[in-house]
Amino acid sequence: MAEERGACNIFMEKNIQIRLIKESDAVAVRSLSGQLGYRLSAEETVENIRDVLSNRDQAAFVACLDGVVIGWIHIFRTVRLESKSFIEIGGLIIDENYRKQGVGKLLVRSAGELAKGEHIGKLRVRCNKKRIEAHQFYRALGFTEFKEQKVFELTIEV
């Protein structure tokens, strides 16, 4: 995905620029993530951005207004043995001051364009059940709910 992003690399709409993420976006990404309660150090955020940039099956875009990052989306190709590959949204965050202004829609559109360029016909997202506004947002974009599940986690000592 990284090398073949074509027209998804940069586009402008409504004075919002959508572009590929850069390491220098780490401070903004970390700050935006904090608005939803995610806490990583600056170093961990930079490391995650580097990992995304170096992984062919992942991508991340930022939305900028006058050069300031006001949102981001992280996507990745998911491969399952039992079904066709799909692109999954790993995270989508818009600055609380810019929500409901079309920024999220533009970022999801960039993910859809990348999926189309990869000949992948599904875009999927998992959403915490308490994020009701996010559910409404995705439904308004045409996503349909097709499964509920529980997520289990095991902490491994490293």
Protein backbone atom coordinates (compact mmCIF):
# COMPACT_ATOMS: atom_id res chain seq x y z
CA MET A 1 0.00 0.00 0.00
CA ALA A 2 2.80 2.43 0.85
CA GLU A 3 4.31 2.65 -2.62
CA GLU A 4 1.10 2.63 -4.65
CA ARG A 5 -0.90 5.38 -2.99
CA GLY A 6 -1.09 7.45 -6.16
CA ALA A 7 -3.75 10.15 -6.03
CA CYS A 8 -4.37 9.48 -2.34
CA ASN A 9 -1.09 11.13 -1.42
CA ILE A 10 -2.41 14.68 -1.31
CA PHE A 11 -5.70 16.38 -2.06
CA MET A 12 -7.50 19.52 -0.96
CA GLU A 13 -11.17 20.10 -0.29
CA LYS A 14 -12.91 22.80 1.73
CA ASN A 15 -9.46 24.26 2.56
CA ILE A 16 -8.59 20.96 4.22
CA GLN A 17 -5.45 19.24 2.95
CA ILE A 18 -5.30 15.46 3.25
CA ARG A 19 -1.77 14.10 3.08
CA LEU A 20 0.29 11.15 4.19
CA ILE A 21 1.42 11.27 7.79
CA LYS A 22 5.01 12.29 8.60
CA GLU A 23 7.12 11.70 11.70
CA SER A 24 6.96 15.44 12.35
CA ASP A 25 3.19 15.06 12.91
CA ALA A 26 3.80 13.06 16.10
CA VAL A 27 3.12 15.90 18.55
CA ALA A 28 -0.22 16.70 16.89
CA VAL A 29 -1.18 13.03 16.60
CA ARG A 30 -0.38 12.49 20.28
CA SER A 31 -2.41 15.54 21.30
CA LEU A 32 -5.42 14.50 19.23
CA SER A 33 -5.23 10.94 20.57
CA GLY A 34 -5.27 12.37 24.08
CA GLN A 35 -8.68 13.92 23.35
CA LEU A 36 -10.08 10.38 23.28
CA GLY A 37 -8.12 9.20 26.30
CA TYR A 38 -5.18 7.50 24.60
CA ARG A 39 -1.87 8.10 26.33
CA LEU A 40 1.40 7.39 24.58
CA SER A 41 4.67 9.20 25.07
CA ALA A 42 6.03 11.38 22.29
CA GLU A 43 8.69 8.76 21.60
CA GLU A 44 6.12 5.95 21.38
CA THR A 45 4.03 8.03 18.97
CA VAL A 46 7.03 8.65 16.72
CA GLU A 47 7.88 4.95 16.84
CA ASN A 48 4.32 4.02 15.85
CA ILE A 49 4.37 6.47 12.93
CA ARG A 50 7.68 5.01 11.76
CA ASP A 51 6.21 1.50 11.96
CA VAL A 52 3.20 2.53 9.88
CA LEU A 53 5.37 4.28 7.30
CA SER A 54 7.65 1.27 6.94
CA ASN A 55 4.85 -1.30 6.68
CA ARG A 56 3.55 -1.92 3.17
CA ASP A 57 0.14 -2.99 4.51
CA GLN A 58 -0.49 0.16 6.55
CA ALA A 59 -1.06 3.84 5.87
CA ALA A 60 -2.00 6.95 7.78
CA PHE A 61 -3.25 10.30 6.59
CA VAL A 62 -3.61 13.62 8.36
CA ALA A 63 -6.07 16.42 7.72
CA CYS A 64 -4.53 19.88 7.89
CA LEU A 65 -6.12 23.31 8.02
CA ASP A 66 -3.68 26.14 7.36
CA GLY A 67 -0.81 23.73 8.01
CA VAL A 68 -2.17 22.59 11.38
CA VAL A 69 -3.07 18.91 11.84
CA ILE A 70 -6.71 18.69 12.91
CA GLY A 71 -7.32 14.99 12.37
CA TRP A 72 -5.81 11.68 11.38
CA ILE A 73 -6.77 8.23 10.15
CA HIS A 74 -4.79 4.99 10.35
CA ILE A 75 -5.70 2.10 8.08
CA PHE A 76 -4.30 -1.34 7.42
CA ARG A 77 -4.90 -4.29 5.15
CA THR A 78 -6.39 -7.21 7.04
CA VAL A 79 -5.92 -10.73 5.74
CA ARG A 80 -8.03 -13.60 7.03
CA LEU A 81 -7.75 -17.19 5.89
CA GLU A 82 -11.52 -17.55 5.70
CA SER A 83 -12.48 -14.36 3.87
CA LYS A 84 -11.34 -11.77 1.36
CA SER A 85 -8.90 -9.09 2.47
CA PHE A 86 -10.29 -5.76 3.61
CA ILE A 87 -9.00 -2.39 4.73
CA GLU A 88 -9.64 -1.68 8.38
CA ILE A 89 -9.67 1.70 10.03
CA GLY A 90 -7.44 1.32 13.08
CA GLY A 91 -8.08 4.83 14.32
CA LEU A 92 -9.79 8.05 13.29
CA ILE A 93 -9.62 11.16 15.41
CA ILE A 94 -10.74 14.70 14.61
CA ASP A 95 -9.94 17.64 16.87
CA GLU A 96 -12.98 18.33 19.04
CA ASN A 97 -13.13 21.89 17.65
CA TYR A 98 -13.50 20.61 14.07
CA ARG A 99 -15.90 17.70 14.42
CA LYS A 100 -19.09 17.61 12.34
CA GLN A 101 -17.49 19.77 9.63
CA GLY A 102 -16.69 17.07 7.07
CA VAL A 103 -13.07 16.42 8.11
CA GLY A 104 -13.71 12.81 9.13
CA LYS A 105 -15.61 12.20 5.92
CA LEU A 106 -12.60 13.40 3.90
CA LEU A 107 -10.24 11.12 5.82
CA VAL A 108 -12.53 8.11 5.36
CA ARG A 109 -12.76 8.99 1.67
CA SER A 110 -8.95 8.88 1.46
CA ALA A 111 -9.04 5.39 3.00
CA GLY A 112 -11.68 4.32 0.50
CA GLU A 113 -9.66 5.66 -2.42
CA LEU A 114 -6.61 3.76 -1.24
CA ALA A 115 -8.67 0.57 -0.89
CA LYS A 116 -10.04 1.07 -4.40
CA GLY A 117 -6.51 1.53 -5.72
CA GLU A 118 -5.53 -1.75 -4.08
CA HIS A 119 -8.60 -3.50 -5.60
CA ILE A 120 -9.99 -4.15 -2.13
CA GLY A 121 -13.75 -3.76 -1.97
CA LYS A 122 -14.36 -3.51 1.77
CA LEU A 123 -13.61 -0.87 4.35
CA ARG A 124 -14.25 -1.92 7.94
CA VAL A 125 -14.08 -0.22 11.33
CA ARG A 126 -14.48 -1.41 14.90
CA CYS A 127 -15.95 1.10 17.29
CA ASN A 128 -16.24 1.13 21.06
CA LYS A 129 -19.88 0.63 22.07
CA LYS A 130 -19.80 3.80 24.19
CA ARG A 131 -18.88 6.03 21.22
CA ILE A 132 -22.47 6.60 20.08
CA GLU A 133 -21.62 9.70 18.00
CA ALA A 134 -19.01 7.68 16.11
CA HIS A 135 -21.62 5.01 15.37
CA GLN A 136 -23.90 7.68 13.90
CA PHE A 137 -21.01 9.12 11.89
CA TYR A 138 -20.15 5.78 10.28
CA ARG A 139 -23.79 4.97 9.52
CA ALA A 140 -24.19 8.38 7.86
CA LEU A 141 -21.24 7.49 5.59
CA GLY A 142 -22.98 4.27 4.53
CA PHE A 143 -21.28 1.77 6.83
CA THR A 144 -23.60 -0.98 8.02
CA GLU A 145 -23.35 -2.76 11.32
CA PHE A 146 -22.99 -6.47 10.74
CA LYS A 147 -21.50 -8.00 13.88
CA GLU A 148 -21.09 -7.47 17.61
CA GLN A 149 -18.18 -8.99 19.43
CA LYS A 150 -16.18 -8.88 22.61
CA VAL A 151 -12.49 -8.11 22.56
CA PHE A 152 -10.27 -10.10 24.88
CA GLU A 153 -6.75 -9.11 25.83
CA LEU A 154 -3.93 -10.96 27.51
CA THR A 155 -0.99 -9.05 28.90
CA ILE A 156 2.30 -10.79 28.18
CA GLU A 157 5.30 -9.93 30.31
CA VAL A 158 8.19 -8.81 28.13
